Amino acid sequence: MTESDRRIEDLEIRLTHQEMTIQDLSSQLYDQRLVIDRLEAAVRSMTSRLKDLHPGNADLPVNERPPHY
């Protein structure tokens, strides 16, 4: 095997590993997007339910001091 053949083989091996890594990362990114979508839907649902519990307070105070201060 010549030096050029060995270098080409090494590059092909590296390329294969990079392609596998990219595919793995793409799959993980897709899975995370699904989780984020579910979490966003849950937050929207909880926000809606909270507003239904307090219809007069559509904009609930965020950092209001407790009454004992």
N, C-alpha and C. Protein backbone atom coordinates (compact mmCIF):
# COMPACT_ATOMS: atom_id res chain seq x y z
N MET A 1 0.86 -1.17 0.00
CA MET A 1 0.00 0.00 0.00
C MET A 1 0.90 1.23 0.00
N THR A 2 0.62 2.12 -0.91
CA THR A 2 1.45 3.32 -1.01
C THR A 2 1.02 4.35 0.04
N GLU A 3 1.84 5.33 0.19
CA GLU A 3 1.55 6.41 1.14
C GLU A 3 0.25 7.11 0.75
N SER A 4 0.05 7.35 -0.52
CA SER A 4 -1.17 8.02 -0.99
C SER A 4 -2.40 7.16 -0.70
N ASP A 5 -2.30 5.87 -0.92
CA ASP A 5 -3.42 4.97 -0.64
C ASP A 5 -3.77 4.98 0.84
N ARG A 6 -2.73 4.95 1.69
CA ARG A 6 -2.96 4.97 3.12
C ARG A 6 -3.61 6.28 3.56
N ARG A 7 -3.17 7.38 2.99
CA ARG A 7 -3.76 8.67 3.34
C ARG A 7 -5.21 8.75 2.88
N ILE A 8 -5.49 8.25 1.69
CA ILE A 8 -6.87 8.25 1.19
C ILE A 8 -7.76 7.39 2.08
N GLU A 9 -7.26 6.23 2.47
CA GLU A 9 -8.02 5.36 3.36
C GLU A 9 -8.28 6.04 4.70
N ASP A 10 -7.29 6.71 5.24
CA ASP A 10 -7.45 7.43 6.50
C ASP A 10 -8.51 8.52 6.36
N LEU A 11 -8.48 9.25 5.27
CA LEU A 11 -9.49 10.29 5.03
C LEU A 11 -10.89 9.69 4.89
N GLU A 12 -11.00 8.56 4.23
CA GLU A 12 -12.30 7.90 4.08
C GLU A 12 -12.84 7.44 5.44
N ILE A 13 -11.96 6.95 6.29
CA ILE A 13 -12.37 6.52 7.63
C ILE A 13 -12.83 7.73 8.44
N ARG A 14 -12.08 8.80 8.36
CA ARG A 14 -12.46 10.02 9.09
C ARG A 14 -13.80 10.56 8.60
N LEU A 15 -13.99 10.55 7.29
CA LEU A 15 -15.24 11.02 6.71
C LEU A 15 -16.41 10.17 7.20
N THR A 16 -16.23 8.87 7.24
CA THR A 16 -17.28 7.98 7.71
C THR A 16 -17.64 8.28 9.17
N HIS A 17 -16.62 8.47 10.00
CA HIS A 17 -16.88 8.80 11.40
C HIS A 17 -17.59 10.15 11.54
N GLN A 18 -17.19 11.11 10.74
CA GLN A 18 -17.85 12.41 10.80
C GLN A 18 -19.30 12.32 10.34
N GLU A 19 -19.56 11.55 9.31
CA GLU A 19 -20.94 11.38 8.85
C GLU A 19 -21.80 10.72 9.92
N MET A 20 -21.25 9.73 10.62
CA MET A 20 -21.98 9.07 11.69
C MET A 20 -22.24 10.04 12.84
N THR A 21 -21.25 10.85 13.18
CA THR A 21 -21.41 11.83 14.25
C THR A 21 -22.48 12.85 13.89
N ILE A 22 -22.45 13.32 12.66
CA ILE A 22 -23.46 14.29 12.22
C ILE A 22 -24.85 13.67 12.28
N GLN A 23 -24.99 12.43 11.86
CA GLN A 23 -26.29 11.77 11.90
C GLN A 23 -26.76 11.60 13.35
N ASP A 24 -25.87 11.22 14.25
CA ASP A 24 -26.22 11.09 15.66
C ASP A 24 -26.67 12.42 16.25
N LEU A 25 -25.93 13.48 15.95
CA LEU A 25 -26.29 14.80 16.46
C LEU A 25 -27.62 15.28 15.89
N SER A 26 -27.85 15.00 14.64
CA SER A 26 -29.12 15.38 14.02
C SER A 26 -30.28 14.66 14.68
N SER A 27 -30.09 13.39 14.98
CA SER A 27 -31.14 12.62 15.65
C SER A 27 -31.40 13.15 17.06
N GLN A 28 -30.35 13.49 17.78
CA GLN A 28 -30.52 14.04 19.12
C GLN A 28 -31.21 15.40 19.07
N LEU A 29 -30.87 16.20 18.09
CA LEU A 29 -31.49 17.51 17.94
C LEU A 29 -32.98 17.36 17.66
N TYR A 30 -33.35 16.41 16.82
CA TYR A 30 -34.76 16.15 16.53
C TYR A 30 -35.50 15.72 17.79
N ASP A 31 -34.90 14.80 18.56
CA ASP A 31 -35.52 14.34 19.80
C ASP A 31 -35.71 15.50 20.78
N GLN A 32 -34.72 16.37 20.89
CA GLN A 32 -34.82 17.51 21.80
C GLN A 32 -35.90 18.47 21.34
N ARG A 33 -36.05 18.64 20.03
CA ARG A 33 -37.11 19.52 19.51
C ARG A 33 -38.48 18.98 19.90
N LEU A 34 -38.65 17.66 19.86
CA LEU A 34 -39.92 17.06 20.27
C LEU A 34 -40.20 17.33 21.74
N VAL A 35 -39.18 17.19 22.57
CA VAL A 35 -39.34 17.45 24.00
C VAL A 35 -39.69 18.92 24.24
N ILE A 36 -39.00 19.81 23.56
CA ILE A 36 -39.27 21.24 23.71
C ILE A 36 -40.70 21.56 23.28
N ASP A 37 -41.14 20.97 22.19
CA ASP A 37 -42.52 21.20 21.73
C ASP A 37 -43.53 20.76 22.78
N ARG A 38 -43.28 19.59 23.38
CA ARG A 38 -44.20 19.10 24.43
C ARG A 38 -44.17 20.01 25.65
N LEU A 39 -43.00 20.48 26.04
CA LEU A 39 -42.89 21.37 27.20
C LEU A 39 -43.57 22.71 26.93
N GLU A 40 -43.41 23.23 25.72
CA GLU A 40 -44.08 24.49 25.39
C GLU A 40 -45.60 24.33 25.43
N ALA A 41 -46.09 23.20 24.94
CA ALA A 41 -47.53 22.95 24.98
C ALA A 41 -48.01 22.84 26.42
N ALA A 42 -47.22 22.20 27.28
CA ALA A 42 -47.59 22.08 28.69
C ALA A 42 -47.62 23.46 29.36
N VAL A 43 -46.66 24.30 29.06
CA VAL A 43 -46.63 25.64 29.64
C VAL A 43 -47.84 26.44 29.17
N ARG A 44 -48.17 26.35 27.88
CA ARG A 44 -49.35 27.07 27.38
C ARG A 44 -50.61 26.58 28.07
N SER A 45 -50.71 25.27 28.26
CA SER A 45 -51.88 24.70 28.93
C SER A 45 -51.96 25.18 30.38
N MET A 46 -50.85 25.15 31.09
CA MET A 46 -50.85 25.59 32.48
C MET A 46 -51.14 27.08 32.59
N THR A 47 -50.60 27.86 31.67
CA THR A 47 -50.87 29.30 31.68
C THR A 47 -52.35 29.56 31.47
N SER A 48 -52.94 28.83 30.55
CA SER A 48 -54.37 28.98 30.30
C SER A 48 -55.19 28.58 31.52
N ARG A 49 -54.82 27.48 32.14
CA ARG A 49 -55.54 27.03 33.34
C ARG A 49 -55.40 28.03 34.48
N LEU A 50 -54.21 28.61 34.63
CA LEU A 50 -53.98 29.59 35.67
C LEU A 50 -54.82 30.84 35.43
N LYS A 51 -54.91 31.27 34.19
CA LYS A 51 -55.73 32.43 33.87
C LYS A 51 -57.21 32.13 34.10
N ASP A 52 -57.63 30.88 33.87
CA ASP A 52 -59.02 30.50 34.14
C ASP A 52 -59.31 30.53 35.64
N LEU A 53 -58.31 30.20 36.46
CA LEU A 53 -58.50 30.23 37.90
C LEU A 53 -58.58 31.65 38.44
N HIS A 54 -57.93 32.57 37.78
CA HIS A 54 -57.89 33.98 38.20
C HIS A 54 -58.30 34.86 37.02
N PRO A 55 -59.57 34.84 36.65
CA PRO A 55 -59.98 35.59 35.45
C PRO A 55 -59.77 37.09 35.57
N GLY A 56 -59.83 37.65 36.75
CA GLY A 56 -59.63 39.09 36.92
C GLY A 56 -58.17 39.48 36.83
N ASN A 57 -57.29 38.53 36.98
CA ASN A 57 -55.85 38.81 36.99
C ASN A 57 -55.19 38.16 35.77
N ALA A 58 -55.55 38.61 34.60
CA ALA A 58 -54.96 38.04 33.39
C ALA A 58 -53.45 38.22 33.40
N ASP A 59 -53.00 39.38 33.90
CA ASP A 59 -51.56 39.62 34.03
C ASP A 59 -51.21 39.53 35.51
N LEU A 60 -50.84 38.36 35.94
CA LEU A 60 -50.52 38.14 37.35
C LEU A 60 -49.21 38.83 37.71
N PRO A 61 -49.12 39.40 38.90
CA PRO A 61 -47.86 40.05 39.30
C PRO A 61 -46.75 39.02 39.40
N VAL A 62 -45.58 39.40 38.96
CA VAL A 62 -44.48 38.46 38.91
C VAL A 62 -43.67 38.47 40.19
N ASN A 63 -43.20 39.62 40.61
CA ASN A 63 -42.32 39.71 41.79
C ASN A 63 -42.96 40.58 42.86
N GLU A 64 -44.15 40.25 43.21
CA GLU A 64 -44.85 41.03 44.24
C GLU A 64 -44.36 40.61 45.62
N ARG A 65 -44.16 41.58 46.52
CA ARG A 65 -43.72 41.28 47.88
C ARG A 65 -44.85 40.60 48.64
N PRO A 66 -44.51 39.61 49.44
CA PRO A 66 -45.53 38.96 50.26
C PRO A 66 -46.14 39.94 51.25
N PRO A 67 -47.36 39.70 51.72
CA PRO A 67 -48.04 40.64 52.61
C PRO A 67 -47.35 40.86 53.96
N HIS A 68 -46.49 39.96 54.39
CA HIS A 68 -45.86 40.12 55.71
C HIS A 68 -44.70 41.09 55.71
N TYR A 69 -44.36 41.68 54.59
CA TYR A 69 -43.26 42.67 54.55
C TYR A 69 -43.75 44.03 54.93
